[in-house]
Amino acid sequence: MKKIVIILVIAALAGGGWYAFKKNSASKAPEYQSVQAELRDLSELVDTTGVVEPENRVEIQPSSSGRIEEILVEEGDKIKAGEVLALMSSSDRVAILDAARAAGDEQYKQWQETYKPIKVISPIDGTLILRNIVQGQTVSASTVLFAISDKLIVSASLDEADIGKVQKAQRATIVLDSYPDKKVRGTVFKILDEGTTKSNVVTYTVKLRPERVPEFFRSQMTANIKIKISERKDILLIPAAAVVTDQQGRTAVIKELKAGQPVYAVVETGQNEGDQVEIVSGLSAGETVFYKAGGYSAQVDSSGSNPLMPKRPAMNRQQQRAVSGH
């Protein structure tokens, strides 16, 4: 009997606490913030990823097999067309010089002057992005000695659903994973005609040329790209939190407060821009709207029970008879 009385007392106290909570919550009026509708430019963007790569990558191979005698450039060097990158000896010159070296320094020097080394020459202006050899290395005619990039660009991959929106000359913003705080502006200059299919998804390659290639650009760096496919001027925007639903279920805003109660005005919304929403009609630039500040509101479940009140443990038949007096 004592156990049952204690349970009933706890339930009564919890019920009283819930009543006080509801009374305080009801008496506390919601707080509102105000903001003015303002005109801004609104852009539609396509997000994608890509990589930094050379627009033209030239690999340099030797004219014959032989041995690298001297390397005159390093990776990252700016190269001019016709510049000598390395000196190498053909297989015949290697054999002659090695035999002359055994005969003494004087004969070795004589053959060095008589039998000139082969010059490895750059065919284009650009940046040396690969040095694939070391001095003294024996190479074949198929060995890649150097690779030169004329200019770094960004190659992006777009889904089939987005490729129809992208056109040449559209502006883009490029941000590298390695330098997330540095934005680089670029332009779409090429859209490849042939797509590739992977996991039943068709993608197309779009190439972008930076306005200025920064010093920190490196081939094969990952890039995040936003391509601006459209832009509209003087679009009326308000915070998304200010768009509500009135008593009739229509999209609306709160234009004023009378005695603490909201007065709604029906609006038509357009495109979303992050945490901002376009207002097509029903509001003018400079007008003030109100929206609720963040807060807590208690909910009552569909059965009408108090979710804050502890559940009463189930009683067996003997306890039920004791409560009812039977």
C-alpha atoms as a PDB file:
ATOM      1  CA  MET A   1       0.000   0.000   0.000  1.00  0.00           C
ATOM      2  CA  LYS A   2       2.842   2.439   0.793  1.00  0.00           C
ATOM      3  CA  LYS A   3       4.377   1.836  -2.644  1.00  0.00           C
ATOM      4  CA  ILE A   4       1.108   2.711  -4.413  1.00  0.00           C
ATOM      5  CA  VAL A   5       0.689   5.943  -2.394  1.00  0.00           C
ATOM      6  CA  ILE A   6       4.223   7.064  -3.283  1.00  0.00           C
ATOM      7  CA  ILE A   7       3.564   6.486  -7.013  1.00  0.00           C
ATOM      8  CA  LEU A   8       0.335   8.512  -6.858  1.00  0.00           C
ATOM      9  CA  VAL A   9       2.091  11.399  -5.071  1.00  0.00           C
ATOM     10  CA  ILE A  10       4.873  11.496  -7.710  1.00  0.00           C
ATOM     11  CA  ALA A  11       2.283  11.526 -10.495  1.00  0.00           C
ATOM     12  CA  ALA A  12       0.399  14.371  -8.817  1.00  0.00           C
ATOM     13  CA  LEU A  13       3.562  16.433  -8.398  1.00  0.00           C
ATOM     14  CA  ALA A  14       4.598  15.818 -12.018  1.00  0.00           C
ATOM     15  CA  GLY A  15       1.144  16.830 -13.210  1.00  0.00           C
ATOM     16  CA  GLY A  16       1.375  20.046 -11.222  1.00  0.00           C
ATOM     17  CA  GLY A  17       4.821  20.764 -12.679  1.00  0.00           C
ATOM     18  CA  TRP A  18       3.524  20.218 -16.233  1.00  0.00           C
ATOM     19  CA  TYR A  19       0.623  22.620 -15.593  1.00  0.00           C
ATOM     20  CA  ALA A  20       3.037  25.282 -14.319  1.00  0.00           C
ATOM     21  CA  PHE A  21       5.336  24.736 -17.331  1.00  0.00           C
ATOM     22  CA  LYS A  22       2.420  25.132 -19.766  1.00  0.00           C
ATOM     23  CA  LYS A  23       1.207  28.233 -17.971  1.00  0.00           C
ATOM     24  CA  ASN A  24       4.649  29.868 -18.078  1.00  0.00           C
ATOM     25  CA  SER A  25       5.182  28.857 -21.716  1.00  0.00           C
ATOM     26  CA  ALA A  26       1.799  30.256 -22.741  1.00  0.00           C
ATOM     27  CA  SER A  27       2.355  33.522 -20.906  1.00  0.00           C
ATOM     28  CA  LYS A  28       5.756  34.084 -22.520  1.00  0.00           C
ATOM     29  CA  ALA A  29       5.229  35.861 -25.862  1.00  0.00           C
ATOM     30  CA  PRO A  30       7.508  34.785 -28.746  1.00  0.00           C
ATOM     31  CA  GLU A  31      10.377  37.091 -29.607  1.00  0.00           C
ATOM     32  CA  TYR A  32      10.649  38.457 -33.140  1.00  0.00           C
ATOM     33  CA  GLN A  33      13.499  39.834 -35.192  1.00  0.00           C
ATOM     34  CA  SER A  34      13.063  42.284 -38.054  1.00  0.00           C
ATOM     35  CA  VAL A  35      14.827  42.598 -41.387  1.00  0.00           C
ATOM     36  CA  GLN A  36      14.365  44.669 -44.518  1.00  0.00           C
ATOM     37  CA  ALA A  37      13.869  43.137 -47.952  1.00  0.00           C
ATOM     38  CA  GLU A  38      16.787  44.125 -50.183  1.00  0.00           C
ATOM     39  CA  LEU A  39      17.776  43.958 -53.835  1.00  0.00           C
ATOM     40  CA  ARG A  40      20.748  41.804 -54.784  1.00  0.00           C
ATOM     41  CA  ASP A  41      22.244  40.024 -57.768  1.00  0.00           C
ATOM     42  CA  LEU A  42      21.325  36.336 -57.942  1.00  0.00           C
ATOM     43  CA  SER A  43      23.501  33.734 -59.679  1.00  0.00           C
ATOM     44  CA  GLU A  44      22.731  30.166 -60.700  1.00  0.00           C
ATOM     45  CA  LEU A  45      25.784  27.948 -60.322  1.00  0.00           C
ATOM     46  CA  VAL A  46      26.853  24.450 -61.275  1.00  0.00           C
ATOM     47  CA  ASP A  47      29.175  22.834 -58.717  1.00  0.00           C
ATOM     48  CA  THR A  48      31.722  20.258 -59.800  1.00  0.00           C
ATOM     49  CA  THR A  49      35.260  19.057 -59.181  1.00  0.00           C
ATOM     50  CA  GLY A  50      38.302  18.773 -61.409  1.00  0.00           C
ATOM     51  CA  VAL A  51      42.082  18.714 -61.583  1.00  0.00           C
ATOM     52  CA  VAL A  52      44.829  21.101 -62.590  1.00  0.00           C
ATOM     53  CA  GLU A  53      46.606  19.829 -65.691  1.00  0.00           C
ATOM     54  CA  PRO A  54      48.691  21.137 -68.607  1.00  0.00           C
ATOM     55  CA  GLU A  55      46.798  22.425 -71.622  1.00  0.00           C
ATOM     56  CA  ASN A  56      49.562  20.880 -73.743  1.00  0.00           C
ATOM     57  CA  ARG A  57      51.976  18.403 -72.207  1.00  0.00           C
ATOM     58  CA  VAL A  58      55.059  17.613 -74.268  1.00  0.00           C
ATOM     59  CA  GLU A  59      57.227  14.623 -73.426  1.00  0.00           C
ATOM     60  CA  ILE A  60      60.835  14.735 -74.633  1.00  0.00           C
ATOM     61  CA  GLN A  61      62.624  11.546 -75.657  1.00  0.00           C
ATOM     62  CA  PRO A  62      66.205  11.117 -76.913  1.00  0.00           C
ATOM     63  CA  SER A  63      66.993  10.673 -80.618  1.00  0.00           C
ATOM     64  CA  SER A  64      68.985   7.525 -79.818  1.00  0.00           C
ATOM     65  CA  SER A  65      70.060   5.384 -76.900  1.00  0.00           C
ATOM     66  CA  GLY A  66      73.009   6.537 -74.843  1.00  0.00           C
ATOM     67  CA  ARG A  67      74.079   8.015 -71.517  1.00  0.00           C
ATOM     68  CA  ILE A  68      73.091  11.267 -69.805  1.00  0.00           C
ATOM     69  CA  GLU A  69      76.247  13.325 -69.292  1.00  0.00           C
ATOM     70  CA  GLU A  70      74.851  16.576 -67.843  1.00  0.00           C
ATOM     71  CA  ILE A  71      71.438  17.949 -66.816  1.00  0.00           C
ATOM     72  CA  LEU A  72      71.028  21.705 -67.155  1.00  0.00           C
ATOM     73  CA  VAL A  73      67.476  22.293 -65.805  1.00  0.00           C
ATOM     74  CA  GLU A  74      65.349  21.448 -62.771  1.00  0.00           C
ATOM     75  CA  GLU A  75      61.629  20.850 -62.304  1.00  0.00           C
ATOM     76  CA  GLY A  76      59.709  24.107 -62.060  1.00  0.00           C
ATOM     77  CA  ASP A  77      62.116  26.031 -64.321  1.00  0.00           C
ATOM     78  CA  LYS A  78      60.651  28.276 -67.018  1.00  0.00           C
ATOM     79  CA  ILE A  79      61.891  26.976 -70.357  1.00  0.00           C
ATOM     80  CA  LYS A  80      62.258  28.696 -73.720  1.00  0.00           C
ATOM     81  CA  ALA A  81      61.899  26.953 -77.075  1.00  0.00           C
ATOM     82  CA  GLY A  82      65.367  25.907 -78.283  1.00  0.00           C
ATOM     83  CA  GLU A  83      66.885  25.879 -74.794  1.00  0.00           C
ATOM     84  CA  VAL A  84      69.323  23.041 -74.058  1.00  0.00           C
ATOM     85  CA  LEU A  85      67.935  20.811 -71.315  1.00  0.00           C
ATOM     86  CA  ALA A  86      70.648  18.150 -71.118  1.00  0.00           C
ATOM     87  CA  LEU A  87      73.743  16.739 -72.816  1.00  0.00           C
ATOM     88  CA  MET A  88      73.989  13.052 -73.629  1.00  0.00           C
ATOM     89  CA  SER A  89      76.380  10.705 -75.365  1.00  0.00           C
ATOM     90  CA  SER A  90      75.217   8.271 -78.013  1.00  0.00           C
ATOM     91  CA  SER A  91      76.056   4.601 -77.521  1.00  0.00           C
ATOM     92  CA  ASP A  92      79.010   4.983 -79.926  1.00  0.00           C
ATOM     93  CA  ARG A  93      80.368   8.032 -78.091  1.00  0.00           C
ATOM     94  CA  VAL A  94      80.020   6.208 -74.762  1.00  0.00           C
ATOM     95  CA  ALA A  95      82.129   3.319 -76.072  1.00  0.00           C
ATOM     96  CA  ILE A  96      84.807   5.630 -77.503  1.00  0.00           C
ATOM     97  CA  LEU A  97      85.051   7.845 -74.410  1.00  0.00           C
ATOM     98  CA  ASP A  98      85.210   4.895 -72.034  1.00  0.00           C
ATOM     99  CA  ALA A  99      88.073   3.398 -74.098  1.00  0.00           C
ATOM    100  CA  ALA A 100      89.857   6.771 -74.257  1.00  0.00           C
ATOM    101  CA  ARG A 101      89.513   7.250 -70.501  1.00  0.00           C
ATOM    102  CA  ALA A 102      91.457   4.027 -70.000  1.00  0.00           C
ATOM    103  CA  ALA A 103      94.213   5.370 -72.276  1.00  0.00           C
ATOM    104  CA  GLY A 104      94.716   8.503 -70.149  1.00  0.00           C
ATOM    105  CA  ASP A 105      93.314  11.976 -69.511  1.00  0.00           C
ATOM    106  CA  GLU A 106      94.911  13.611 -72.530  1.00  0.00           C
ATOM    107  CA  GLN A 107      93.384  11.194 -75.022  1.00  0.00           C
ATOM    108  CA  TYR A 108      90.067  11.339 -73.174  1.00  0.00           C
ATOM    109  CA  LYS A 109      89.946  15.151 -73.480  1.00  0.00           C
ATOM    110  CA  GLN A 110      90.885  14.949 -77.146  1.00  0.00           C
ATOM    111  CA  TRP A 111      87.993  12.604 -77.919  1.00  0.00           C
ATOM    112  CA  GLN A 112      85.613  14.745 -75.840  1.00  0.00           C
ATOM    113  CA  GLU A 113      86.398  17.720 -78.083  1.00  0.00           C
ATOM    114  CA  THR A 114      86.339  15.689 -81.280  1.00  0.00           C
ATOM    115  CA  TYR A 115      83.145  13.772 -80.619  1.00  0.00           C
ATOM    116  CA  LYS A 116      80.577  16.301 -79.367  1.00  0.00           C
ATOM    117  CA  PRO A 117      77.655  15.241 -77.143  1.00  0.00           C
ATOM    118  CA  ILE A 118      74.032  15.292 -78.283  1.00  0.00           C
ATOM    119  CA  LYS A 119      71.993  18.285 -77.115  1.00  0.00           C
ATOM    120  CA  VAL A 120      68.492  17.622 -75.758  1.00  0.00           C
ATOM    121  CA  ILE A 121      66.504  20.714 -76.767  1.00  0.00           C
ATOM    122  CA  SER A 122      63.069  22.016 -75.688  1.00  0.00           C
ATOM    123  CA  PRO A 123      60.599  22.272 -78.576  1.00  0.00           C
ATOM    124  CA  ILE A 124      58.271  24.782 -76.834  1.00  0.00           C
ATOM    125  CA  ASP A 125      58.105  27.566 -74.265  1.00  0.00           C
ATOM    126  CA  GLY A 126      56.738  26.382 -70.941  1.00  0.00           C
ATOM    127  CA  THR A 127      57.432  25.037 -67.474  1.00  0.00           C
ATOM    128  CA  LEU A 128      59.432  21.895 -66.795  1.00  0.00           C
ATOM    129  CA  ILE A 129      57.010  19.668 -64.843  1.00  0.00           C
ATOM    130  CA  LEU A 130      58.954  16.393 -64.990  1.00  0.00           C
ATOM    131  CA  ARG A 131      62.640  15.458 -64.888  1.00  0.00           C
ATOM    132  CA  ASN A 132      62.774  11.712 -65.273  1.00  0.00           C
ATOM    133  CA  ILE A 133      66.555  11.144 -65.405  1.00  0.00           C
ATOM    134  CA  VAL A 134      69.744  11.517 -63.370  1.00  0.00           C
ATOM    135  CA  GLN A 135      73.263  12.218 -64.529  1.00  0.00           C
ATOM    136  CA  GLY A 136      75.104   9.075 -65.709  1.00  0.00           C
ATOM    137  CA  GLN A 137      71.886   7.196 -66.433  1.00  0.00           C
ATOM    138  CA  THR A 138      71.754   4.971 -69.518  1.00  0.00           C
ATOM    139  CA  VAL A 139      68.616   5.623 -71.580  1.00  0.00           C
ATOM    140  CA  SER A 140      66.939   4.111 -74.619  1.00  0.00           C
ATOM    141  CA  ALA A 141      65.216   5.914 -77.476  1.00  0.00           C
ATOM    142  CA  SER A 142      61.850   5.312 -75.766  1.00  0.00           C
ATOM    143  CA  THR A 143      62.833   6.801 -72.378  1.00  0.00           C
ATOM    144  CA  VAL A 144      60.921   9.951 -71.379  1.00  0.00           C
ATOM    145  CA  LEU A 145      63.611  12.422 -70.290  1.00  0.00           C
ATOM    146  CA  PHE A 146      61.498  15.496 -69.526  1.00  0.00           C
ATOM    147  CA  ALA A 147      57.911  16.739 -69.681  1.00  0.00           C
ATOM    148  CA  ILE A 148      57.042  20.376 -70.369  1.00  0.00           C
ATOM    149  CA  SER A 149      53.711  22.129 -69.840  1.00  0.00           C
ATOM    150  CA  ASP A 150      52.950  25.235 -71.862  1.00  0.00           C
ATOM    151  CA  LYS A 151      50.172  26.476 -69.521  1.00  0.00           C
ATOM    152  CA  LEU A 152      48.188  25.005 -66.633  1.00  0.00           C
ATOM    153  CA  ILE A 153      44.415  24.805 -66.963  1.00  0.00           C
ATOM    154  CA  VAL A 154      41.630  23.098 -64.981  1.00  0.00           C
ATOM    155  CA  SER A 155      39.786  20.089 -66.357  1.00  0.00           C
ATOM    156  CA  ALA A 156      36.343  19.505 -64.798  1.00  0.00           C
ATOM    157  CA  SER A 157      33.945  16.566 -65.026  1.00  0.00           C
ATOM    158  CA  LEU A 158      30.216  17.359 -65.375  1.00  0.00           C
ATOM    159  CA  ASP A 159      27.209  15.057 -65.158  1.00  0.00           C
ATOM    160  CA  GLU A 160      25.020  14.601 -68.210  1.00  0.00           C
ATOM    161  CA  ALA A 161      22.203  16.467 -66.424  1.00  0.00           C
ATOM    162  CA  ASP A 162      24.335  19.631 -66.088  1.00  0.00           C
ATOM    163  CA  ILE A 163      26.284  19.684 -69.336  1.00  0.00           C
ATOM    164  CA  GLY A 164      23.394  21.285 -71.244  1.00  0.00           C
ATOM    165  CA  LYS A 165      23.582  24.351 -69.000  1.00  0.00           C
ATOM    166  CA  VAL A 166      27.288  25.011 -69.567  1.00  0.00           C
ATOM    167  CA  GLN A 167      28.560  27.063 -72.501  1.00  0.00           C
ATOM    168  CA  LYS A 168      31.866  28.515 -73.657  1.00  0.00           C
ATOM    169  CA  ALA A 169      32.881  31.875 -72.145  1.00  0.00           C
ATOM    170  CA  GLN A 170      30.926  31.293 -68.925  1.00  0.00           C
ATOM    171  CA  ARG A 171      32.710  32.535 -65.823  1.00  0.00           C
ATOM    172  CA  ALA A 172      33.829  30.218 -63.035  1.00  0.00           C
ATOM    173  CA  THR A 173      35.452  30.274 -59.600  1.00  0.00           C
ATOM    174  CA  ILE A 174      38.228  27.752 -58.869  1.00  0.00           C
ATOM    175  CA  VAL A 175      39.363  26.790 -55.362  1.00  0.00           C
ATOM    176  CA  LEU A 176      42.079  24.200 -54.783  1.00  0.00           C
ATOM    177  CA  ASP A 177      41.867  21.737 -51.893  1.00  0.00           C
ATOM    178  CA  SER A 178      45.455  22.680 -51.055  1.00  0.00           C
ATOM    179  CA  TYR A 179      44.631  26.420 -50.864  1.00  0.00           C
ATOM    180  CA  PRO A 180      40.979  26.698 -49.751  1.00  0.00           C
ATOM    181  CA  ASP A 181      41.272  30.404 -48.892  1.00  0.00           C
ATOM    182  CA  LYS A 182      42.461  31.459 -52.361  1.00  0.00           C
ATOM    183  CA  LYS A 183      39.898  31.878 -55.145  1.00  0.00           C
ATOM    184  CA  VAL A 184      40.962  31.934 -58.781  1.00  0.00           C
ATOM    185  CA  ARG A 185      38.674  33.212 -61.536  1.00  0.00           C
ATOM    186  CA  GLY A 186      38.496  31.381 -64.820  1.00  0.00           C
ATOM    187  CA  THR A 187      36.509  30.917 -68.032  1.00  0.00           C
ATOM    188  CA  VAL A 188      35.096  27.881 -69.820  1.00  0.00           C
ATOM    189  CA  PHE A 189      36.933  27.572 -73.141  1.00  0.00           C
ATOM    190  CA  LYS A 190      36.309  23.987 -74.269  1.00  0.00           C
ATOM    191  CA  ILE A 191      33.566  21.359 -73.857  1.00  0.00           C
ATOM    192  CA  LEU A 192      34.522  17.904 -75.128  1.00  0.00           C
ATOM    193  CA  ASP A 193      31.988  16.191 -77.385  1.00  0.00           C
ATOM    194  CA  GLU A 194      32.565  12.642 -76.191  1.00  0.00           C
ATOM    195  CA  GLY A 195      31.441  11.587 -72.733  1.00  0.00           C
ATOM    196  CA  THR A 196      32.572   8.719 -70.550  1.00  0.00           C
ATOM    197  CA  THR A 197      30.357   6.226 -68.711  1.00  0.00           C
ATOM    198  CA  LYS A 198      31.180   4.967 -65.235  1.00  0.00           C
ATOM    199  CA  SER A 199      28.721   3.128 -62.967  1.00  0.00           C
ATOM    200  CA  ASN A 200      25.923   3.991 -65.448  1.00  0.00           C
ATOM    201  CA  VAL A 201      26.651   7.721 -65.078  1.00  0.00           C
ATOM    202  CA  VAL A 202      27.670   9.708 -68.163  1.00  0.00           C
ATOM    203  CA  THR A 203      30.073  12.596 -67.598  1.00  0.00           C
ATOM    204  CA  TYR A 204      31.643  15.154 -69.931  1.00  0.00           C
ATOM    205  CA  THR A 205      34.937  17.008 -69.639  1.00  0.00           C
ATOM    206  CA  VAL A 206      34.872  20.803 -69.497  1.00  0.00           C
ATOM    207  CA  LYS A 207      38.113  22.782 -69.620  1.00  0.00           C
ATOM    208  CA  LEU A 208      38.610  26.121 -67.881  1.00  0.00           C
ATOM    209  CA  ARG A 209      41.397  28.637 -68.373  1.00  0.00           C
ATOM    210  CA  PRO A 210      42.366  30.717 -65.310  1.00  0.00           C
ATOM    211  CA  GLU A 211      42.578  34.478 -65.839  1.00  0.00           C
ATOM    212  CA  ARG A 212      46.003  34.287 -64.245  1.00  0.00           C
ATOM    213  CA  VAL A 213      47.846  31.101 -63.363  1.00  0.00           C
ATOM    214  CA  PRO A 214      49.012  31.503 -59.725  1.00  0.00           C
ATOM    215  CA  GLU A 215      52.427  30.367 -58.589  1.00  0.00           C
ATOM    216  CA  PHE A 216      50.858  27.786 -56.271  1.00  0.00           C
ATOM    217  CA  PHE A 217      49.158  25.891 -59.131  1.00  0.00           C
ATOM    218  CA  ARG A 218      50.636  22.414 -59.584  1.00  0.00           C
ATOM    219  CA  SER A 219      49.684  19.713 -62.074  1.00  0.00           C
ATOM    220  CA  GLN A 220      47.184  17.128 -60.708  1.00  0.00           C
ATOM    221  CA  MET A 221      45.974  19.299 -57.806  1.00  0.00           C
ATOM    222  CA  THR A 222      42.285  18.772 -56.987  1.00  0.00           C
ATOM    223  CA  ALA A 223      39.995  21.743 -57.644  1.00  0.00           C
ATOM    224  CA  ASN A 224      36.443  22.656 -56.574  1.00  0.00           C
ATOM    225  CA  ILE A 225      34.678  24.605 -59.311  1.00  0.00           C
ATOM    226  CA  LYS A 226      31.571  26.780 -59.448  1.00  0.00           C
ATOM    227  CA  ILE A 227      30.474  27.644 -62.998  1.00  0.00           C
ATOM    228  CA  LYS A 228      28.112  30.619 -63.250  1.00  0.00           C
ATOM    229  CA  ILE A 229      25.478  29.568 -65.767  1.00  0.00           C
ATOM    230  CA  SER A 230      23.154  32.566 -65.283  1.00  0.00           C
ATOM    231  CA  GLU A 231      22.984  35.830 -63.382  1.00  0.00           C
ATOM    232  CA  ARG A 232      20.054  38.113 -62.601  1.00  0.00           C
ATOM    233  CA  LYS A 233      20.317  41.665 -61.336  1.00  0.00           C
ATOM    234  CA  ASP A 234      18.281  43.392 -58.601  1.00  0.00           C
ATOM    235  CA  ILE A 235      16.486  40.361 -57.186  1.00  0.00           C
ATOM    236  CA  LEU A 236      14.427  40.948 -54.032  1.00  0.00           C
ATOM    237  CA  LEU A 237      15.718  38.714 -51.222  1.00  0.00           C
ATOM    238  CA  ILE A 238      14.831  38.067 -47.575  1.00  0.00           C
ATOM    239  CA  PRO A 239      16.141  35.473 -45.088  1.00  0.00           C
ATOM    240  CA  ALA A 240      14.631  32.016 -45.585  1.00  0.00           C
ATOM    241  CA  ALA A 241      13.562  32.061 -41.901  1.00  0.00           C
ATOM    242  CA  ALA A 242      11.217  34.970 -42.666  1.00  0.00           C
ATOM    243  CA  VAL A 243       9.120  32.900 -45.110  1.00  0.00           C
ATOM    244  CA  VAL A 244       6.285  31.240 -43.157  1.00  0.00           C
ATOM    245  CA  THR A 245       2.815  29.753 -43.652  1.00  0.00           C
ATOM    246  CA  ASP A 246      -0.310  31.688 -42.677  1.00  0.00           C
ATOM    247  CA  GLN A 247      -3.508  30.285 -41.125  1.00  0.00           C
ATOM    248  CA  GLN A 248      -4.824  29.278 -44.571  1.00  0.00           C
ATOM    249  CA  GLY A 249      -1.625  27.365 -45.417  1.00  0.00           C
ATOM    250  CA  ARG A 250      -0.386  29.970 -47.904  1.00  0.00           C
ATOM    251  CA  THR A 251       3.219  31.091 -48.278  1.00  0.00           C
ATOM    252  CA  ALA A 252       3.535  34.383 -46.439  1.00  0.00           C
ATOM    253  CA  VAL A 253       5.651  36.801 -44.439  1.00  0.00           C
ATOM    254  CA  ILE A 254       4.903  38.679 -41.217  1.00  0.00           C
ATOM    255  CA  LYS A 255       4.698  42.377 -42.174  1.00  0.00           C
ATOM    256  CA  GLU A 256       3.725  43.749 -38.750  1.00  0.00           C
ATOM    257  CA  LEU A 257       2.869  42.855 -35.168  1.00  0.00           C
ATOM    258  CA  LYS A 258      -0.369  44.072 -33.570  1.00  0.00           C
ATOM    259  CA  ALA A 259      -0.602  43.558 -29.825  1.00  0.00           C
ATOM    260  CA  GLY A 260       2.165  40.993 -30.173  1.00  0.00           C
ATOM    261  CA  GLN A 261       0.240  39.023 -32.823  1.00  0.00           C
ATOM    262  CA  PRO A 262       1.609  38.573 -36.368  1.00  0.00           C
ATOM    263  CA  VAL A 263      -0.119  40.121 -39.369  1.00  0.00           C
ATOM    264  CA  TYR A 264       0.572  38.032 -42.469  1.00  0.00           C
ATOM    265  CA  ALA A 265       0.976  39.040 -46.116  1.00  0.00           C
ATOM    266  CA  VAL A 266       0.868  36.433 -48.868  1.00  0.00           C
ATOM    267  CA  VAL A 267       3.977  36.338 -51.090  1.00  0.00           C
ATOM    268  CA  GLU A 268       5.251  34.367 -54.064  1.00  0.00           C
ATOM    269  CA  THR A 269       8.758  32.967 -53.742  1.00  0.00           C
ATOM    270  CA  GLY A 270      11.287  32.144 -56.435  1.00  0.00           C
ATOM    271  CA  GLN A 271      14.822  30.803 -56.385  1.00  0.00           C
ATOM    272  CA  ASN A 272      16.742  29.979 -53.209  1.00  0.00           C
ATOM    273  CA  GLU A 273      20.206  31.429 -52.676  1.00  0.00           C
ATOM    274  CA  GLY A 274      21.663  29.646 -49.645  1.00  0.00           C
ATOM    275  CA  ASP A 275      19.895  31.079 -46.592  1.00  0.00           C
ATOM    276  CA  GLN A 276      18.149  33.738 -48.716  1.00  0.00           C
ATOM    277  CA  VAL A 277      14.892  33.399 -50.688  1.00  0.00           C
ATOM    278  CA  GLU A 278      13.764  35.377 -53.731  1.00  0.00           C
ATOM    279  CA  ILE A 279      10.419  37.175 -53.406  1.00  0.00           C
ATOM    280  CA  VAL A 280       8.643  37.427 -56.765  1.00  0.00           C
ATOM    281  CA  SER A 281       5.545  39.312 -55.573  1.00  0.00           C
ATOM    282  CA  GLY A 282       3.827  40.534 -52.418  1.00  0.00           C
ATOM    283  CA  LEU A 283       6.762  42.545 -51.043  1.00  0.00           C
ATOM    284  CA  SER A 284       8.804  45.576 -52.073  1.00  0.00           C
ATOM    285  CA  ALA A 285      12.423  46.540 -51.507  1.00  0.00           C
ATOM    286  CA  GLY A 286      12.943  48.278 -48.148  1.00  0.00           C
ATOM    287  CA  GLU A 287       9.825  46.832 -46.505  1.00  0.00           C
ATOM    288  CA  THR A 288      10.324  45.282 -43.073  1.00  0.00           C
ATOM    289  CA  VAL A 289       9.372  41.711 -42.249  1.00  0.00           C
ATOM    290  CA  PHE A 290       9.455  39.894 -38.907  1.00  0.00           C
ATOM    291  CA  TYR A 291      10.399  36.342 -37.997  1.00  0.00           C
ATOM    292  CA  LYS A 292      10.603  34.397 -34.751  1.00  0.00           C
ATOM    293  CA  ALA A 293      13.861  34.215 -32.887  1.00  0.00           C
ATOM    294  CA  GLY A 294      15.021  30.679 -31.988  1.00  0.00           C
ATOM    295  CA  GLY A 295      13.383  29.161 -28.927  1.00  0.00           C
ATOM    296  CA  TYR A 296      11.918  26.015 -27.319  1.00  0.00           C
ATOM    297  CA  SER A 297       8.331  24.938 -27.640  1.00  0.00           C
ATOM    298  CA  ALA A 298       7.037  21.878 -25.815  1.00  0.00           C
ATOM    299  CA  GLN A 299       5.025  19.382 -27.837  1.00  0.00           C
ATOM    300  CA  VAL A 300       2.051  17.270 -26.744  1.00  0.00           C
ATOM    301  CA  ASP A 301       1.649  13.912 -28.448  1.00  0.00           C
ATOM    302  CA  SER A 302      -1.469  12.905 -30.371  1.00  0.00           C
ATOM    303  CA  SER A 303      -3.047  11.193 -27.355  1.00  0.00           C
ATOM    304  CA  GLY A 304      -2.943  14.442 -25.353  1.00  0.00           C
ATOM    305  CA  SER A 305      -0.560  13.062 -22.734  1.00  0.00           C
ATOM    306  CA  ASN A 306       2.201  15.092 -21.176  1.00  0.00           C
ATOM    307  CA  PRO A 307       5.625  13.967 -22.542  1.00  0.00           C
ATOM    308  CA  LEU A 308       7.430  15.451 -19.532  1.00  0.00           C
ATOM    309  CA  MET A 309       5.386  13.451 -17.013  1.00  0.00           C
ATOM    310  CA  PRO A 310       6.920  10.107 -15.918  1.00  0.00           C
ATOM    311  CA  LYS A 311       5.026   6.993 -16.940  1.00  0.00           C
ATOM    312  CA  ARG A 312       3.163   5.180 -14.135  1.00  0.00           C
ATOM    313  CA  PRO A 313       4.417   1.612 -13.732  1.00  0.00           C
ATOM    314  CA  ALA A 314       1.891  -1.090 -14.520  1.00  0.00           C
ATOM    315  CA  MET A 315      -0.005  -2.493 -11.455  1.00  0.00           C
ATOM    316  CA  ASN A 316      -0.888  -6.102 -10.907  1.00  0.00           C
ATOM    317  CA  ARG A 317      -4.444  -7.180 -10.039  1.00  0.00           C
ATOM    318  CA  GLN A 318      -3.892  -7.157  -6.244  1.00  0.00           C
ATOM    319  CA  GLN A 319      -2.636  -3.541  -6.397  1.00  0.00           C
ATOM    320  CA  GLN A 320      -5.568  -2.518  -8.635  1.00  0.00           C
ATOM    321  CA  ARG A 321      -8.069  -3.973  -6.083  1.00  0.00           C
ATOM    322  CA  ALA A 322      -6.320  -2.074  -3.253  1.00  0.00           C
ATOM    323  CA  VAL A 323      -6.605   1.250  -5.127  1.00  0.00           C
ATOM    324  CA  SER A 324     -10.262   0.716  -6.013  1.00  0.00           C
ATOM    325  CA  GLY A 325     -11.125  -0.428  -2.448  1.00  0.00           C
ATOM    326  CA  HIS A 326     -12.356  -3.912  -3.549  1.00  0.00           C
END
